[in-house]
Amino acid sequence: MAKIFIFDEFNPEDNAMLQALYSRSASSVVDHVEKVRKCGSGNK
């Protein structure tokens, strides 16, 4: 069964980072979402 995830909390830069991470890895999108939440495109 396919799962659909909707995340509307990310700014365009974070969304691009999430897409780039997901497209280059076999890891779950949920793992990448946690990474973007933690690091984000502008967080240090």
C-alpha atoms as a PDB file:
ATOM      1  CA  MET A   1       0.000   0.000   0.000  1.00  0.00           C
ATOM      2  CA  ALA A   2       1.303   3.448  -0.905  1.00  0.00           C
ATOM      3  CA  LYS A   3       1.619   6.127   1.756  1.00  0.00           C
ATOM      4  CA  ILE A   4       1.191   9.817   1.118  1.00  0.00           C
ATOM      5  CA  PHE A   5       2.892  12.364   3.354  1.00  0.00           C
ATOM      6  CA  ILE A   6       1.983  16.044   3.367  1.00  0.00           C
ATOM      7  CA  PHE A   7       4.310  18.469   5.122  1.00  0.00           C
ATOM      8  CA  ASP A   8       3.329  22.130   4.899  1.00  0.00           C
ATOM      9  CA  GLU A   9       5.702  23.448   7.550  1.00  0.00           C
ATOM     10  CA  PHE A  10       8.777  23.899   5.358  1.00  0.00           C
ATOM     11  CA  ASN A  11       9.903  27.025   3.566  1.00  0.00           C
ATOM     12  CA  PRO A  12      10.932  26.671  -0.101  1.00  0.00           C
ATOM     13  CA  GLU A  13      14.619  26.193   0.760  1.00  0.00           C
ATOM     14  CA  ASP A  14      13.878  23.432   3.269  1.00  0.00           C
ATOM     15  CA  ASN A  15      11.507  21.785   0.803  1.00  0.00           C
ATOM     16  CA  ALA A  16      14.251  21.787  -1.836  1.00  0.00           C
ATOM     17  CA  MET A  17      16.695  20.315   0.691  1.00  0.00           C
ATOM     18  CA  LEU A  18      14.192  17.578   1.562  1.00  0.00           C
ATOM     19  CA  GLN A  19      13.650  16.713  -2.098  1.00  0.00           C
ATOM     20  CA  ALA A  20      17.388  16.624  -2.767  1.00  0.00           C
ATOM     21  CA  LEU A  21      18.038  14.339   0.207  1.00  0.00           C
ATOM     22  CA  TYR A  22      15.205  12.000  -0.743  1.00  0.00           C
ATOM     23  CA  SER A  23      16.173  11.777  -4.405  1.00  0.00           C
ATOM     24  CA  ARG A  24      19.738  10.736  -3.522  1.00  0.00           C
ATOM     25  CA  SER A  25      19.016   8.136  -0.857  1.00  0.00           C
ATOM     26  CA  ALA A  26      17.045   4.961  -0.309  1.00  0.00           C
ATOM     27  CA  SER A  27      16.162   6.076   3.231  1.00  0.00           C
ATOM     28  CA  SER A  28      12.586   6.812   4.193  1.00  0.00           C
ATOM     29  CA  VAL A  29      11.227  10.280   3.574  1.00  0.00           C
ATOM     30  CA  VAL A  30      10.365  10.346   7.293  1.00  0.00           C
ATOM     31  CA  ASP A  31      14.092  10.069   8.123  1.00  0.00           C
ATOM     32  CA  HIS A  32      14.857  12.987   5.825  1.00  0.00           C
ATOM     33  CA  VAL A  33      12.040  15.088   7.279  1.00  0.00           C
ATOM     34  CA  GLU A  34      13.540  14.672  10.740  1.00  0.00           C
ATOM     35  CA  LYS A  35      16.949  15.712   9.415  1.00  0.00           C
ATOM     36  CA  VAL A  36      15.507  18.836   7.756  1.00  0.00           C
ATOM     37  CA  ARG A  37      13.567  19.681  10.922  1.00  0.00           C
ATOM     38  CA  LYS A  38      16.768  19.399  12.936  1.00  0.00           C
ATOM     39  CA  CYS A  39      19.223  21.062  10.540  1.00  0.00           C
ATOM     40  CA  GLY A  40      17.075  22.945   8.055  1.00  0.00           C
ATOM     41  CA  SER A  41      18.495  24.978   5.229  1.00  0.00           C
ATOM     42  CA  GLY A  42      19.123  28.015   7.420  1.00  0.00           C
ATOM     43  CA  ASN A  43      19.631  26.517  10.881  1.00  0.00           C
ATOM     44  CA  LYS A  44      23.140  26.200  12.266  1.00  0.00           C
END
